[in-house]
C-alpha atoms as a PDB file:
ATOM      1  CA  MET A   1      -0.093  -0.028   0.055  1.00  0.00           C
ATOM      2  CA  ARG A   2       3.184   2.443   0.402  1.00  0.00           C
ATOM      3  CA  GLY A   3       2.542   5.301  -1.728  1.00  0.00           C
ATOM      4  CA  ARG A   4      -0.449   4.236  -3.707  1.00  0.00           C
ATOM      5  CA  ARG A   5      -3.136   7.327  -2.528  1.00  0.00           C
ATOM      6  CA  ALA A   6      -5.851   4.903  -4.535  1.00  0.00           C
ATOM      7  CA  TYR A   7      -6.054   3.137  -1.747  1.00  0.00           C
ATOM      8  CA  GLN A   8      -6.174   5.690   0.968  1.00  0.00           C
ATOM      9  CA  TRP A   9      -9.982   5.740   1.013  1.00  0.00           C
ATOM     10  CA  LEU A  10      -9.921   1.826   1.721  1.00  0.00           C
ATOM     11  CA  TRP A  11      -7.664   2.118   4.597  1.00  0.00           C
ATOM     12  CA  TRP A  12      -9.491   4.544   6.622  1.00  0.00           C
ATOM     13  CA  ARG A  13     -12.672   2.726   5.908  1.00  0.00           C
ATOM     14  CA  LEU A  14     -11.517  -0.282   7.279  1.00  0.00           C
ATOM     15  CA  LEU A  15     -10.062   1.743   9.990  1.00  0.00           C
ATOM     16  CA  GLY A  16     -13.421   2.783  10.289  1.00  0.00           C
ATOM     17  CA  TRP A  17     -12.274   6.276  10.368  1.00  0.00           C
ATOM     18  CA  SER A  18     -13.870   8.925   8.578  1.00  0.00           C
ATOM     19  CA  PHE A  19     -11.686  11.549   8.457  1.00  0.00           C
ATOM     20  CA  PRO A  20      -7.578  10.800   8.142  1.00  0.00           C
ATOM     21  CA  VAL A  21      -5.275  12.318  10.105  1.00  0.00           C
ATOM     22  CA  LEU A  22      -2.065  11.078   8.167  1.00  0.00           C
ATOM     23  CA  ASP A  23      -2.001   9.376   4.928  1.00  0.00           C
ATOM     24  CA  PRO A  24      -0.641   6.161   5.725  1.00  0.00           C
ATOM     25  CA  CYS A  25       0.503   5.354   1.805  1.00  0.00           C
ATOM     26  CA  GLU A  26       2.588   8.662   1.658  1.00  0.00           C
ATOM     27  CA  ASP A  27       6.222   7.998   2.049  1.00  0.00           C
ATOM     28  CA  PRO A  28       7.881  10.771   4.262  1.00  0.00           C
ATOM     29  CA  HIS A  29      11.300  10.386   2.994  1.00  0.00           C
ATOM     30  CA  ARG A  30      10.563  11.890  -0.630  1.00  0.00           C
ATOM     31  CA  GLY A  31       7.730  14.109  -1.169  1.00  0.00           C
ATOM     32  CA  GLU A  32       4.596  13.446  -3.183  1.00  0.00           C
ATOM     33  CA  GLU A  33       6.398  14.681  -6.166  1.00  0.00           C
ATOM     34  CA  LEU A  34       9.086  12.071  -6.533  1.00  0.00           C
ATOM     35  CA  PRO A  35       8.344   8.862  -7.658  1.00  0.00           C
ATOM     36  CA  GLU A  36      11.516   7.335  -5.868  1.00  0.00           C
ATOM     37  CA  ILE A  37      13.871   8.616  -3.345  1.00  0.00           C
ATOM     38  CA  PRO A  38      15.936  10.651  -4.335  1.00  0.00           C
ATOM     39  CA  GLU A  39      19.999  10.151  -4.658  1.00  0.00           C
ATOM     40  CA  LEU A  40      22.794  12.140  -4.110  1.00  0.00           C
ATOM     41  CA  GLU A  41      25.910  10.968  -5.977  1.00  0.00           C
ATOM     42  CA  GLY A  42      24.638   7.604  -6.018  1.00  0.00           C
ATOM     43  CA  TYR A  43      23.163   7.370  -3.100  1.00  0.00           C
ATOM     44  CA  PRO A  44      19.533   7.797  -2.009  1.00  0.00           C
ATOM     45  CA  ILE A  45      19.228  10.573   0.596  1.00  0.00           C
ATOM     46  CA  ASP A  46      16.031  11.223   2.241  1.00  0.00           C
ATOM     47  CA  LEU A  47      14.278  14.407   0.457  1.00  0.00           C
ATOM     48  CA  GLU A  48      15.029  16.945   3.129  1.00  0.00           C
ATOM     49  CA  LEU A  49      18.663  15.924   4.561  1.00  0.00           C
ATOM     50  CA  ILE A  50      19.812  16.188   0.819  1.00  0.00           C
ATOM     51  CA  PRO A  51      21.216  20.275   1.572  1.00  0.00           C
ATOM     52  CA  VAL A  52      22.677  18.759   5.024  1.00  0.00           C
ATOM     53  CA  ILE A  53      24.610  16.218   3.274  1.00  0.00           C
ATOM     54  CA  ARG A  54      25.780  18.010   0.653  1.00  0.00           C
ATOM     55  CA  GLU A  55      26.905  20.211   3.038  1.00  0.00           C
ATOM     56  CA  LEU A  56      28.235  17.883   5.300  1.00  0.00           C
ATOM     57  CA  TRP A  57      30.571  16.120   2.318  1.00  0.00           C
ATOM     58  CA  ALA A  58      32.093  19.750   1.389  1.00  0.00           C
ATOM     59  CA  ARG A  59      33.316  19.755   4.531  1.00  0.00           C
ATOM     60  CA  GLY A  60      34.859  16.594   4.625  1.00  0.00           C
ATOM     61  CA  MET A  61      32.574  14.839   7.150  1.00  0.00           C
ATOM     62  CA  PRO A  62      31.921  11.740   5.321  1.00  0.00           C
ATOM     63  CA  THR A  63      28.517  10.181   6.207  1.00  0.00           C
ATOM     64  CA  VAL A  64      27.631   6.307   5.573  1.00  0.00           C
ATOM     65  CA  ASP A  65      23.609   6.510   6.412  1.00  0.00           C
ATOM     66  CA  SER A  66      21.096   9.376   7.156  1.00  0.00           C
ATOM     67  CA  CYS A  67      17.323   9.424   8.316  1.00  0.00           C
ATOM     68  CA  GLN A  68      15.246  12.476   8.148  1.00  0.00           C
ATOM     69  CA  GLY A  69      12.870  10.953  10.267  1.00  0.00           C
ATOM     70  CA  ASP A  70       8.541  12.207  10.214  1.00  0.00           C
ATOM     71  CA  ARG A  71       7.905  15.323  12.185  1.00  0.00           C
ATOM     72  CA  ARG A  72       4.414  14.693  11.796  1.00  0.00           C
ATOM     73  CA  LEU A  73       4.042  11.272  13.926  1.00  0.00           C
ATOM     74  CA  GLU A  74       6.584  12.635  15.995  1.00  0.00           C
ATOM     75  CA  ALA A  75       4.081  15.291  16.837  1.00  0.00           C
ATOM     76  CA  LEU A  76       1.201  12.812  16.913  1.00  0.00           C
ATOM     77  CA  SER A  77       2.714  10.421  18.924  1.00  0.00           C
ATOM     78  CA  GLY A  78       4.222  13.010  21.738  1.00  0.00           C
ATOM     79  CA  GLN A  79       7.159  10.586  22.426  1.00  0.00           C
ATOM     80  CA  GLN A  80      10.232  12.533  22.019  1.00  0.00           C
ATOM     81  CA  GLY A  81      12.808  10.479  19.905  1.00  0.00           C
ATOM     82  CA  LEU A  82      10.645   7.868  18.803  1.00  0.00           C
ATOM     83  CA  TYR A  83      10.713   9.496  14.540  1.00  0.00           C
ATOM     84  CA  SER A  84      13.798  11.486  15.238  1.00  0.00           C
ATOM     85  CA  ALA A  85      16.178  12.429  12.378  1.00  0.00           C
ATOM     86  CA  SER A  86      19.660  10.669  12.108  1.00  0.00           C
ATOM     87  CA  ILE A  87      22.872  10.998  10.256  1.00  0.00           C
ATOM     88  CA  GLY A  88      25.527   8.255  10.965  1.00  0.00           C
ATOM     89  CA  PHE A  89      29.472   8.673  10.596  1.00  0.00           C
ATOM     90  CA  GLU A  90      32.518   7.095   9.594  1.00  0.00           C
ATOM     91  CA  ARG A  91      34.561   9.115  12.164  1.00  0.00           C
ATOM     92  CA  MET A  92      33.543  10.367  15.828  1.00  0.00           C
ATOM     93  CA  GLU A  93      34.821  13.719  15.450  1.00  0.00           C
ATOM     94  CA  ASP A  94      32.436  14.231  12.841  1.00  0.00           C
ATOM     95  CA  ALA A  95      29.542  13.441  15.143  1.00  0.00           C
ATOM     96  CA  HIS A  96      30.937  15.716  17.339  1.00  0.00           C
ATOM     97  CA  ARG A  97      31.453  18.143  14.873  1.00  0.00           C
ATOM     98  CA  LEU A  98      27.316  18.204  14.162  1.00  0.00           C
ATOM     99  CA  ARG A  99      26.502  17.643  17.340  1.00  0.00           C
ATOM    100  CA  ALA A 100      28.229  21.249  18.188  1.00  0.00           C
ATOM    101  CA  ILE A 101      26.289  22.522  15.682  1.00  0.00           C
ATOM    102  CA  LEU A 102      22.872  21.653  16.617  1.00  0.00           C
ATOM    103  CA  GLU A 103      23.655  22.637  20.128  1.00  0.00           C
ATOM    104  CA  GLU A 104      24.176  26.224  18.459  1.00  0.00           C
ATOM    105  CA  ILE A 105      20.768  26.039  16.815  1.00  0.00           C
ATOM    106  CA  ILE A 106      19.579  24.787  19.853  1.00  0.00           C
ATOM    107  CA  ASP A 107      20.804  27.567  22.262  1.00  0.00           C
ATOM    108  CA  LEU A 108      18.629  29.837  20.194  1.00  0.00           C
ATOM    109  CA  PRO A 109      15.540  31.384  22.765  1.00  0.00           C
ATOM    110  CA  ASP A 110      12.588  29.360  20.833  1.00  0.00           C
ATOM    111  CA  ARG A 111      14.870  25.523  20.841  1.00  0.00           C
ATOM    112  CA  PRO A 112      15.762  24.956  24.520  1.00  0.00           C
ATOM    113  CA  GLU A 113      13.880  21.979  24.893  1.00  0.00           C
ATOM    114  CA  LEU A 114      15.210  20.058  22.114  1.00  0.00           C
ATOM    115  CA  ARG A 115      19.020  19.628  23.975  1.00  0.00           C
ATOM    116  CA  SER A 116      17.196  16.686  25.526  1.00  0.00           C
ATOM    117  CA  GLN A 117      16.519  15.215  22.143  1.00  0.00           C
ATOM    118  CA  LEU A 118      19.814  14.695  20.694  1.00  0.00           C
ATOM    119  CA  SER A 119      21.572  11.812  20.943  1.00  0.00           C
ATOM    120  CA  LEU A 120      25.115   9.936  20.231  1.00  0.00           C
ATOM    121  CA  GLU A 121      25.289   6.741  20.285  1.00  0.00           C
ATOM    122  CA  LEU A 122      28.004   3.862  18.324  1.00  0.00           C
ATOM    123  CA  ILE A 123      26.286   1.672  15.928  1.00  0.00           C
ATOM    124  CA  GLN A 124      28.177  -1.402  13.930  1.00  0.00           C
ATOM    125  CA  GLY A 125      31.299   0.658  14.535  1.00  0.00           C
ATOM    126  CA  TYR A 126      29.832   3.693  13.154  1.00  0.00           C
ATOM    127  CA  SER A 127      28.874   7.070  14.970  1.00  0.00           C
ATOM    128  CA  HIS A 128      25.124   8.336  15.007  1.00  0.00           C
ATOM    129  CA  LEU A 129      23.634  11.322  15.742  1.00  0.00           C
ATOM    130  CA  SER A 130      20.021  11.346  16.200  1.00  0.00           C
ATOM    131  CA  PHE A 131      18.326  14.600  16.373  1.00  0.00           C
ATOM    132  CA  PRO A 132      14.586  16.205  16.314  1.00  0.00           C
ATOM    133  CA  PRO A 133      13.194  16.455  12.561  1.00  0.00           C
ATOM    134  CA  THR A 134      12.242  20.014  13.414  1.00  0.00           C
ATOM    135  CA  LEU A 135      15.891  20.657  13.460  1.00  0.00           C
ATOM    136  CA  ILE A 136      16.855  19.820   9.523  1.00  0.00           C
ATOM    137  CA  THR A 137      15.919  22.966   8.006  1.00  0.00           C
ATOM    138  CA  PRO A 138      17.526  25.094  10.863  1.00  0.00           C
ATOM    139  CA  LEU A 139      20.593  22.982  10.277  1.00  0.00           C
ATOM    140  CA  SER A 140      20.710  23.187   6.302  1.00  0.00           C
ATOM    141  CA  GLU A 141      20.502  26.837   6.938  1.00  0.00           C
ATOM    142  CA  ARG A 142      23.161  27.633   9.300  1.00  0.00           C
ATOM    143  CA  LEU A 143      25.150  25.492   7.433  1.00  0.00           C
ATOM    144  CA  SER A 144      24.575  26.740   3.720  1.00  0.00           C
ATOM    145  CA  THR A 145      25.241  30.259   5.704  1.00  0.00           C
ATOM    146  CA  ASN A 146      28.992  29.006   6.528  1.00  0.00           C
ATOM    147  CA  ASP A 147      31.353  30.505   4.310  1.00  0.00           C
ATOM    148  CA  SER A 148      33.957  28.155   5.404  1.00  0.00           C
ATOM    149  CA  PRO A 149      33.990  23.945   5.112  1.00  0.00           C
ATOM    150  CA  GLU A 150      36.595  23.756   7.872  1.00  0.00           C
ATOM    151  CA  THR A 151      34.809  25.720  10.688  1.00  0.00           C
ATOM    152  CA  GLY A 152      31.975  24.624  12.159  1.00  0.00           C
END
């Protein structure tokens, strides 16, 4: 059923709901207008993370895995971290560099509650940094406005 809006009506009728909260057929990782998950230099990357990953690579910070999470499901579930965005790095120091940038963003007056949602862990030898999906846009803006790829 994933990705097929034609099944939406049937899906909600089977659940007994007359008004859908979310479209269960919509894939949040690519956007409605794209038939597949987009690629960046031959690697599949979630749509919202493309500018972030591009900037990280330009700074010499190779990534091994990423997910944009789902901010709608995060908001509906009420559980912090359940649908987090994440980026995996080959080197722990790169994960710490990105965490420092995210902490700078969180220190802004309108985002202090998000600090507890940053999570850095080692998974299969790679450093994975998880963060709220609502930080993707400010992170992308912060990375793109920084002129020097070596800073951050």
